[in-house]
Amino acid sequence: MIFRATILLAGKTATGVQVPDEVVAGLGGGKRPAVRVELNGYA
């Protein structure tokens, strides 16, 4: 499954990616499924 998201900055060092509920449900594995992230060609 591929989707696009925006990287969020919370404070000075905390960074996260908000994943829509539909995508999490599609991935299976509960609330924290294993994922692979690619950013500008780096995985």
PDB file of N, CA and C in Angstrom:
ATOM      1  N   MET A   1       0.847  -1.157   0.000  1.00  0.00           N
ATOM      2  CA  MET A   1       0.000   0.000   0.000  1.00  0.00           C
ATOM      3  C   MET A   1       0.900   1.230   0.000  1.00  0.00           C
ATOM      4  N   ILE A   2       0.592   2.183  -0.848  1.00  0.00           N
ATOM      5  CA  ILE A   2       1.368   3.420  -0.935  1.00  0.00           C
ATOM      6  C   ILE A   2       0.434   4.590  -0.676  1.00  0.00           C
ATOM      7  N   PHE A   3       0.882   5.533   0.148  1.00  0.00           N
ATOM      8  CA  PHE A   3       0.128   6.762   0.363  1.00  0.00           C
ATOM      9  C   PHE A   3       1.114   7.880   0.669  1.00  0.00           C
ATOM     10  N   ARG A   4       0.664   9.091   0.511  1.00  0.00           N
ATOM     11  CA  ARG A   4       1.499  10.255   0.796  1.00  0.00           C
ATOM     12  C   ARG A   4       1.040  10.895   2.091  1.00  0.00           C
ATOM     13  N   ALA A   5       1.995  11.423   2.851  1.00  0.00           N
ATOM     14  CA  ALA A   5       1.686  12.073   4.118  1.00  0.00           C
ATOM     15  C   ALA A   5       2.642  13.243   4.318  1.00  0.00           C
ATOM     16  N   THR A   6       2.297  14.092   5.241  1.00  0.00           N
ATOM     17  CA  THR A   6       3.129  15.227   5.597  1.00  0.00           C
ATOM     18  C   THR A   6       3.843  14.925   6.909  1.00  0.00           C
ATOM     19  N   ILE A   7       5.125  15.238   6.967  1.00  0.00           N
ATOM     20  CA  ILE A   7       5.891  15.061   8.202  1.00  0.00           C
ATOM     21  C   ILE A   7       5.554  16.222   9.128  1.00  0.00           C
ATOM     22  N   LEU A   8       5.203  15.886  10.376  1.00  0.00           N
ATOM     23  CA  LEU A   8       4.791  16.890  11.349  1.00  0.00           C
ATOM     24  C   LEU A   8       5.882  17.099  12.382  1.00  0.00           C
ATOM     25  N   LEU A   9       6.113  18.345  12.740  1.00  0.00           N
ATOM     26  CA  LEU A   9       7.084  18.686  13.777  1.00  0.00           C
ATOM     27  C   LEU A   9       6.330  19.113  15.021  1.00  0.00           C
ATOM     28  N   ALA A  10       6.628  18.464  16.156  1.00  0.00           N
ATOM     29  CA  ALA A  10       5.998  18.795  17.433  1.00  0.00           C
ATOM     30  C   ALA A  10       7.111  19.091  18.427  1.00  0.00           C
ATOM     31  N   GLY A  11       7.334  20.331  18.725  1.00  0.00           N
ATOM     32  CA  GLY A  11       8.439  20.711  19.591  1.00  0.00           C
ATOM     33  C   GLY A  11       9.707  20.856  18.762  1.00  0.00           C
ATOM     34  N   LYS A  12      10.848  20.710  19.404  1.00  0.00           N
ATOM     35  CA  LYS A  12      12.123  20.900  18.712  1.00  0.00           C
ATOM     36  C   LYS A  12      12.664  19.628  18.078  1.00  0.00           C
ATOM     37  N   THR A  13      12.343  18.455  18.664  1.00  0.00           N
ATOM     38  CA  THR A  13      12.949  17.223  18.158  1.00  0.00           C
ATOM     39  C   THR A  13      11.950  16.128  17.814  1.00  0.00           C
ATOM     40  N   ALA A  14      10.706  16.252  18.252  1.00  0.00           N
ATOM     41  CA  ALA A  14       9.714  15.202  17.998  1.00  0.00           C
ATOM     42  C   ALA A  14       9.131  15.376  16.597  1.00  0.00           C
ATOM     43  N   THR A  15       9.233  14.331  15.793  1.00  0.00           N
ATOM     44  CA  THR A  15       8.726  14.355  14.428  1.00  0.00           C
ATOM     45  C   THR A  15       7.860  13.130  14.210  1.00  0.00           C
ATOM     46  N   GLY A  16       6.789  13.300  13.453  1.00  0.00           N
ATOM     47  CA  GLY A  16       5.902  12.164  13.209  1.00  0.00           C
ATOM     48  C   GLY A  16       5.198  12.285  11.878  1.00  0.00           C
ATOM     49  N   VAL A  17       4.565  11.194  11.479  1.00  0.00           N
ATOM     50  CA  VAL A  17       3.788  11.138  10.253  1.00  0.00           C
ATOM     51  C   VAL A  17       2.379  10.718  10.645  1.00  0.00           C
ATOM     52  N   GLN A  18       1.403  11.556  10.323  1.00  0.00           N
ATOM     53  CA  GLN A  18       0.016  11.215  10.623  1.00  0.00           C
ATOM     54  C   GLN A  18      -0.516  10.314   9.522  1.00  0.00           C
ATOM     55  N   VAL A  19      -0.945   9.111   9.923  1.00  0.00           N
ATOM     56  CA  VAL A  19      -1.448   8.111   8.982  1.00  0.00           C
ATOM     57  C   VAL A  19      -2.964   8.040   9.140  1.00  0.00           C
ATOM     58  N   PRO A  20      -3.708   8.201   8.042  1.00  0.00           N
ATOM     59  CA  PRO A  20      -5.174   8.131   8.133  1.00  0.00           C
ATOM     60  C   PRO A  20      -5.642   6.782   8.677  1.00  0.00           C
ATOM     61  N   ASP A  21      -6.770   6.789   9.395  1.00  0.00           N
ATOM     62  CA  ASP A  21      -7.315   5.574  10.001  1.00  0.00           C
ATOM     63  C   ASP A  21      -7.576   4.482   8.962  1.00  0.00           C
ATOM     64  N   GLU A  22      -8.032   4.877   7.761  1.00  0.00           N
ATOM     65  CA  GLU A  22      -8.322   3.891   6.728  1.00  0.00           C
ATOM     66  C   GLU A  22      -7.055   3.148   6.302  1.00  0.00           C
ATOM     67  N   VAL A  23      -5.940   3.858   6.271  1.00  0.00           N
ATOM     68  CA  VAL A  23      -4.671   3.246   5.880  1.00  0.00           C
ATOM     69  C   VAL A  23      -4.203   2.282   6.964  1.00  0.00           C
ATOM     70  N   VAL A  24      -4.303   2.680   8.230  1.00  0.00           N
ATOM     71  CA  VAL A  24      -3.906   1.808   9.341  1.00  0.00           C
ATOM     72  C   VAL A  24      -4.752   0.534   9.320  1.00  0.00           C
ATOM     73  N   ALA A  25      -6.050   0.686   9.095  1.00  0.00           N
ATOM     74  CA  ALA A  25      -6.929  -0.482   9.042  1.00  0.00           C
ATOM     75  C   ALA A  25      -6.552  -1.387   7.874  1.00  0.00           C
ATOM     76  N   GLY A  26      -6.175  -0.809   6.753  1.00  0.00           N
ATOM     77  CA  GLY A  26      -5.786  -1.593   5.590  1.00  0.00           C
ATOM     78  C   GLY A  26      -4.479  -2.331   5.776  1.00  0.00           C
ATOM     79  N   LEU A  27      -3.601  -1.811   6.639  1.00  0.00           N
ATOM     80  CA  LEU A  27      -2.315  -2.452   6.891  1.00  0.00           C
ATOM     81  C   LEU A  27      -2.447  -3.650   7.815  1.00  0.00           C
ATOM     82  N   GLY A  28      -3.459  -3.678   8.646  1.00  0.00           N
ATOM     83  CA  GLY A  28      -3.624  -4.759   9.615  1.00  0.00           C
ATOM     84  C   GLY A  28      -2.572  -4.637  10.706  1.00  0.00           C
ATOM     85  N   GLY A  29      -2.518  -5.584  11.611  1.00  0.00           N
ATOM     86  CA  GLY A  29      -1.484  -5.585  12.641  1.00  0.00           C
ATOM     87  C   GLY A  29      -1.771  -4.672  13.812  1.00  0.00           C
ATOM     88  N   GLY A  30      -3.019  -4.255  14.031  1.00  0.00           N
ATOM     89  CA  GLY A  30      -3.356  -3.412  15.166  1.00  0.00           C
ATOM     90  C   GLY A  30      -3.061  -1.951  14.917  1.00  0.00           C
ATOM     91  N   LYS A  31      -2.882  -1.203  16.009  1.00  0.00           N
ATOM     92  CA  LYS A  31      -2.688   0.241  15.903  1.00  0.00           C
ATOM     93  C   LYS A  31      -1.273   0.640  15.480  1.00  0.00           C
ATOM     94  N   ARG A  32      -0.325  -0.273  15.598  1.00  0.00           N
ATOM     95  CA  ARG A  32       1.068   0.052  15.251  1.00  0.00           C
ATOM     96  C   ARG A  32       1.653  -1.004  14.312  1.00  0.00           C
ATOM     97  N   PRO A  33       1.169  -1.066  13.087  1.00  0.00           N
ATOM     98  CA  PRO A  33       1.700  -2.058  12.149  1.00  0.00           C
ATOM     99  C   PRO A  33       3.114  -1.695  11.693  1.00  0.00           C
ATOM    100  N   ALA A  34       3.869  -2.688  11.283  1.00  0.00           N
ATOM    101  CA  ALA A  34       5.209  -2.443  10.757  1.00  0.00           C
ATOM    102  C   ALA A  34       5.086  -1.768   9.389  1.00  0.00           C
ATOM    103  N   VAL A  35       5.839  -0.703   9.179  1.00  0.00           N
ATOM    104  CA  VAL A  35       5.799   0.026   7.909  1.00  0.00           C
ATOM    105  C   VAL A  35       7.211   0.331   7.440  1.00  0.00           C
ATOM    106  N   ARG A  36       7.340   0.640   6.171  1.00  0.00           N
ATOM    107  CA  ARG A  36       8.606   1.076   5.590  1.00  0.00           C
ATOM    108  C   ARG A  36       8.373   2.470   5.040  1.00  0.00           C
ATOM    109  N   VAL A  37       9.275   3.386   5.328  1.00  0.00           N
ATOM    110  CA  VAL A  37       9.141   4.775   4.902  1.00  0.00           C
ATOM    111  C   VAL A  37      10.249   5.100   3.913  1.00  0.00           C
ATOM    112  N   GLU A  38       9.884   5.816   2.858  1.00  0.00           N
ATOM    113  CA  GLU A  38      10.873   6.289   1.895  1.00  0.00           C
ATOM    114  C   GLU A  38      10.748   7.801   1.805  1.00  0.00           C
ATOM    115  N   LEU A  39      11.880   8.491   1.926  1.00  0.00           N
ATOM    116  CA  LEU A  39      11.923   9.945   1.907  1.00  0.00           C
ATOM    117  C   LEU A  39      13.014  10.392   0.951  1.00  0.00           C
ATOM    118  N   ASN A  40      12.625  11.010  -0.135  1.00  0.00           N
ATOM    119  CA  ASN A  40      13.586  11.466  -1.152  1.00  0.00           C
ATOM    120  C   ASN A  40      14.499  10.349  -1.626  1.00  0.00           C
ATOM    121  N   GLY A  41      13.938   9.153  -1.803  1.00  0.00           N
ATOM    122  CA  GLY A  41      14.706   8.034  -2.305  1.00  0.00           C
ATOM    123  C   GLY A  41      15.447   7.242  -1.245  1.00  0.00           C
ATOM    124  N   TYR A  42      15.394   7.651   0.008  1.00  0.00           N
ATOM    125  CA  TYR A  42      16.050   6.926   1.104  1.00  0.00           C
ATOM    126  C   TYR A  42      15.004   6.147   1.880  1.00  0.00           C
ATOM    127  N   ALA A  43      15.306   4.879   2.157  1.00  0.00           N
ATOM    128  CA  ALA A  43      14.353   4.024   2.895  1.00  0.00           C
ATOM    129  C   ALA A  43      14.818   3.860   4.334  1.00  0.00           C
TER     130      ALA A  43
END
